[in-house]
């Protein structure tokens, strides 16, 4: 969280219009993402970045993987682009 906050501050000093992207996760680690959002991480990024690997699943199944993330975003009022 400290690194994200520091990076956000420096990036916005350089150009407030630049987008800060949350560090990409492998899959959708709900417990980790909830810990981050609960700690206030959403104040320090503009776009959530995850890698929802499907591992031989149908492309449409990506939404099943993302729904828990969307629920967390609503819970913590952190609804930002993914």
N, C-alpha and C. Protein backbone atom coordinates (compact mmCIF):
# COMPACT_ATOMS: atom_id res chain seq x y z
N UNK A 1 0.82 -1.18 0.00
CA UNK A 1 0.00 0.00 0.00
C UNK A 1 0.87 1.25 0.00
N UNK A 2 1.96 1.23 0.75
CA UNK A 2 2.84 2.40 0.80
C UNK A 2 3.43 2.70 -0.57
N UNK A 3 3.83 1.66 -1.28
CA UNK A 3 4.40 1.85 -2.62
C UNK A 3 3.35 2.39 -3.58
N UNK A 4 2.15 1.86 -3.52
CA UNK A 4 1.07 2.34 -4.38
C UNK A 4 0.78 3.81 -4.10
N UNK A 5 0.70 4.18 -2.84
CA UNK A 5 0.43 5.57 -2.46
C UNK A 5 1.54 6.49 -2.95
N UNK A 6 2.80 6.09 -2.73
CA UNK A 6 3.94 6.92 -3.15
C UNK A 6 3.96 7.07 -4.67
N UNK A 7 3.73 5.98 -5.38
CA UNK A 7 3.71 6.03 -6.84
C UNK A 7 2.59 6.94 -7.33
N UNK A 8 1.43 6.82 -6.73
CA UNK A 8 0.28 7.66 -7.09
C UNK A 8 0.63 9.14 -6.92
N UNK A 9 1.20 9.48 -5.78
CA UNK A 9 1.55 10.88 -5.52
C UNK A 9 2.53 11.42 -6.54
N UNK A 10 3.57 10.65 -6.85
CA UNK A 10 4.58 11.11 -7.81
C UNK A 10 4.02 11.22 -9.22
N UNK A 11 3.25 10.23 -9.62
CA UNK A 11 2.67 10.24 -10.96
C UNK A 11 1.74 11.44 -11.14
N UNK A 12 0.91 11.70 -10.15
CA UNK A 12 -0.03 12.82 -10.24
C UNK A 12 0.68 14.17 -10.17
N UNK A 13 1.84 14.23 -9.51
CA UNK A 13 2.64 15.46 -9.51
C UNK A 13 3.14 15.77 -10.92
N UNK A 14 3.57 14.72 -11.60
CA UNK A 14 4.11 14.87 -12.95
C UNK A 14 3.01 15.32 -13.91
N UNK A 15 1.87 14.63 -13.85
CA UNK A 15 0.75 14.97 -14.73
C UNK A 15 -0.53 14.42 -14.10
N UNK A 16 -1.36 15.30 -13.55
CA UNK A 16 -2.59 14.85 -12.91
C UNK A 16 -3.53 14.06 -13.83
N UNK A 17 -3.34 14.18 -15.13
CA UNK A 17 -4.19 13.47 -16.08
C UNK A 17 -3.76 12.03 -16.33
N UNK A 18 -2.55 11.67 -15.88
CA UNK A 18 -2.09 10.29 -16.07
C UNK A 18 -2.91 9.34 -15.21
N UNK A 19 -3.10 8.13 -15.70
CA UNK A 19 -3.86 7.12 -14.97
C UNK A 19 -2.90 6.20 -14.22
N UNK A 20 -3.20 5.97 -12.96
CA UNK A 20 -2.43 5.03 -12.14
C UNK A 20 -3.19 3.71 -12.17
N UNK A 21 -2.47 2.64 -12.49
CA UNK A 21 -3.07 1.33 -12.63
C UNK A 21 -2.67 0.46 -11.45
N UNK A 22 -3.65 -0.19 -10.82
CA UNK A 22 -3.39 -1.13 -9.73
C UNK A 22 -2.54 -2.26 -10.27
N UNK A 23 -1.58 -2.73 -9.51
CA UNK A 23 -0.69 -3.81 -9.95
C UNK A 23 -1.48 -5.03 -10.38
N UNK A 24 -1.21 -5.55 -11.54
CA UNK A 24 -1.95 -6.68 -12.08
C UNK A 24 -1.80 -7.94 -11.24
N UNK A 25 -2.93 -8.57 -10.93
CA UNK A 25 -2.89 -9.81 -10.18
C UNK A 25 -3.07 -10.98 -11.13
N UNK A 26 -2.63 -12.12 -10.70
CA UNK A 26 -2.84 -13.35 -11.45
C UNK A 26 -4.15 -13.95 -10.97
N UNK A 27 -5.11 -13.98 -11.85
CA UNK A 27 -6.43 -14.42 -11.43
C UNK A 27 -7.14 -13.31 -10.68
N UNK A 28 -8.13 -13.70 -9.89
CA UNK A 28 -8.89 -12.73 -9.11
C UNK A 28 -8.80 -13.15 -7.64
N UNK A 29 -7.69 -12.80 -6.98
CA UNK A 29 -7.50 -13.20 -5.58
C UNK A 29 -8.39 -12.36 -4.64
N UNK A 30 -9.60 -12.82 -4.43
CA UNK A 30 -10.62 -12.04 -3.73
C UNK A 30 -10.15 -11.60 -2.34
N UNK A 31 -9.56 -12.49 -1.56
CA UNK A 31 -9.14 -12.13 -0.20
C UNK A 31 -8.09 -11.01 -0.23
N UNK A 32 -7.13 -11.11 -1.14
CA UNK A 32 -6.09 -10.08 -1.27
C UNK A 32 -6.70 -8.75 -1.71
N UNK A 33 -7.56 -8.80 -2.71
CA UNK A 33 -8.18 -7.57 -3.21
C UNK A 33 -9.05 -6.93 -2.14
N UNK A 34 -9.75 -7.74 -1.37
CA UNK A 34 -10.57 -7.18 -0.30
C UNK A 34 -9.69 -6.51 0.75
N UNK A 35 -8.58 -7.14 1.09
CA UNK A 35 -7.66 -6.54 2.06
C UNK A 35 -7.17 -5.17 1.55
N UNK A 36 -6.82 -5.10 0.28
CA UNK A 36 -6.34 -3.85 -0.30
C UNK A 36 -7.43 -2.78 -0.31
N UNK A 37 -8.62 -3.15 -0.73
CA UNK A 37 -9.71 -2.17 -0.80
C UNK A 37 -10.12 -1.71 0.60
N UNK A 38 -10.14 -2.63 1.53
CA UNK A 38 -10.49 -2.29 2.91
C UNK A 38 -9.48 -1.29 3.49
N UNK A 39 -8.23 -1.42 3.08
CA UNK A 39 -7.16 -0.52 3.56
C UNK A 39 -7.15 0.82 2.83
N UNK A 40 -8.03 1.00 1.84
CA UNK A 40 -8.12 2.28 1.15
C UNK A 40 -7.33 2.39 -0.13
N UNK A 41 -6.93 1.27 -0.70
CA UNK A 41 -6.12 1.30 -1.92
C UNK A 41 -6.80 2.04 -3.06
N UNK A 42 -8.12 2.03 -3.10
CA UNK A 42 -8.83 2.66 -4.22
C UNK A 42 -8.58 4.16 -4.30
N UNK A 43 -8.10 4.75 -3.23
CA UNK A 43 -7.76 6.18 -3.26
C UNK A 43 -6.51 6.45 -4.08
N UNK A 44 -5.76 5.39 -4.42
CA UNK A 44 -4.45 5.59 -5.03
C UNK A 44 -4.29 4.94 -6.40
N UNK A 45 -5.39 4.56 -7.04
CA UNK A 45 -5.31 4.09 -8.42
C UNK A 45 -6.56 4.52 -9.16
N UNK A 46 -6.45 4.54 -10.49
CA UNK A 46 -7.57 4.94 -11.34
C UNK A 46 -8.19 3.77 -12.09
N UNK A 47 -7.40 2.72 -12.30
CA UNK A 47 -7.85 1.56 -13.07
C UNK A 47 -7.40 0.29 -12.35
N UNK A 48 -8.34 -0.65 -12.16
CA UNK A 48 -7.99 -1.95 -11.57
C UNK A 48 -7.44 -2.84 -12.68
N UNK A 49 -6.32 -3.49 -12.40
CA UNK A 49 -5.66 -4.33 -13.40
C UNK A 49 -5.54 -5.75 -12.86
N UNK A 50 -6.22 -6.68 -13.51
CA UNK A 50 -6.10 -8.09 -13.14
C UNK A 50 -5.92 -8.91 -14.41
N UNK A 51 -5.46 -10.13 -14.23
CA UNK A 51 -5.28 -11.05 -15.35
C UNK A 51 -6.14 -12.29 -15.06
N UNK A 52 -7.38 -12.30 -15.51
CA UNK A 52 -8.28 -13.42 -15.20
C UNK A 52 -8.06 -14.60 -16.13
N UNK A 53 -6.99 -15.34 -15.89
CA UNK A 53 -6.67 -16.48 -16.74
C UNK A 53 -7.82 -17.48 -16.75
N UNK A 54 -8.18 -17.95 -17.93
CA UNK A 54 -9.31 -18.85 -18.06
C UNK A 54 -8.92 -20.32 -18.06
N UNK A 55 -7.69 -20.63 -18.39
CA UNK A 55 -7.23 -22.03 -18.36
C UNK A 55 -8.21 -23.00 -19.01
N UNK A 56 -8.36 -22.87 -20.30
CA UNK A 56 -9.19 -23.76 -21.12
C UNK A 56 -10.69 -23.62 -20.88
N UNK A 57 -11.11 -22.55 -20.31
CA UNK A 57 -12.54 -22.30 -20.16
C UNK A 57 -13.02 -21.45 -21.33
N UNK A 58 -14.31 -21.38 -21.48
CA UNK A 58 -14.90 -20.57 -22.53
C UNK A 58 -14.70 -19.09 -22.20
N UNK A 59 -14.45 -18.24 -23.21
CA UNK A 59 -14.23 -16.82 -22.95
C UNK A 59 -15.36 -16.15 -22.16
N UNK A 60 -16.57 -16.61 -22.36
CA UNK A 60 -17.71 -16.01 -21.66
C UNK A 60 -17.61 -16.19 -20.15
N UNK A 61 -16.84 -17.17 -19.71
CA UNK A 61 -16.72 -17.46 -18.28
C UNK A 61 -15.91 -16.41 -17.52
N UNK A 62 -15.27 -15.51 -18.26
CA UNK A 62 -14.49 -14.48 -17.58
C UNK A 62 -15.37 -13.67 -16.64
N UNK A 63 -16.63 -13.48 -16.98
CA UNK A 63 -17.52 -12.69 -16.13
C UNK A 63 -17.79 -13.38 -14.80
N UNK A 64 -17.80 -14.72 -14.80
CA UNK A 64 -17.96 -15.45 -13.54
C UNK A 64 -16.77 -15.18 -12.63
N UNK A 65 -15.59 -15.05 -13.23
CA UNK A 65 -14.39 -14.76 -12.44
C UNK A 65 -14.39 -13.32 -11.95
N UNK A 66 -14.93 -12.42 -12.74
CA UNK A 66 -14.90 -11.00 -12.40
C UNK A 66 -16.00 -10.56 -11.45
N UNK A 67 -17.10 -11.29 -11.40
CA UNK A 67 -18.21 -10.87 -10.55
C UNK A 67 -17.83 -10.65 -9.09
N UNK A 68 -17.00 -11.51 -8.47
CA UNK A 68 -16.60 -11.24 -7.09
C UNK A 68 -15.82 -9.92 -6.96
N UNK A 69 -15.04 -9.58 -7.96
CA UNK A 69 -14.32 -8.30 -7.94
C UNK A 69 -15.31 -7.15 -8.02
N UNK A 70 -16.28 -7.25 -8.91
CA UNK A 70 -17.29 -6.19 -9.03
C UNK A 70 -18.05 -6.01 -7.72
N UNK A 71 -18.34 -7.12 -7.04
CA UNK A 71 -19.04 -7.05 -5.75
C UNK A 71 -18.18 -6.33 -4.71
N UNK A 72 -16.88 -6.63 -4.70
CA UNK A 72 -15.97 -5.95 -3.77
C UNK A 72 -15.91 -4.46 -4.07
N UNK A 73 -15.85 -4.13 -5.35
CA UNK A 73 -15.79 -2.72 -5.72
C UNK A 73 -17.03 -1.98 -5.20
N UNK A 74 -18.18 -2.59 -5.31
CA UNK A 74 -19.40 -1.97 -4.80
C UNK A 74 -19.35 -1.85 -3.29
N UNK A 75 -18.94 -2.92 -2.63
CA UNK A 75 -18.89 -2.95 -1.16
C UNK A 75 -18.03 -1.83 -0.61
N UNK A 76 -16.88 -1.57 -1.26
CA UNK A 76 -15.94 -0.57 -0.76
C UNK A 76 -16.04 0.76 -1.53
N UNK A 77 -17.11 0.91 -2.29
CA UNK A 77 -17.33 2.15 -3.07
C UNK A 77 -16.08 2.49 -3.89
N UNK A 78 -15.57 1.47 -4.56
CA UNK A 78 -14.34 1.59 -5.34
C UNK A 78 -14.59 1.17 -6.78
N UNK A 79 -15.73 1.56 -7.33
CA UNK A 79 -16.09 1.15 -8.68
C UNK A 79 -15.30 1.95 -9.70
N UNK A 80 -14.29 1.31 -10.23
CA UNK A 80 -13.40 1.92 -11.21
C UNK A 80 -13.26 0.98 -12.40
N UNK A 81 -12.77 1.49 -13.51
CA UNK A 81 -12.59 0.60 -14.68
C UNK A 81 -11.66 -0.57 -14.36
N UNK A 82 -11.96 -1.70 -15.01
CA UNK A 82 -11.14 -2.90 -14.84
C UNK A 82 -10.50 -3.20 -16.18
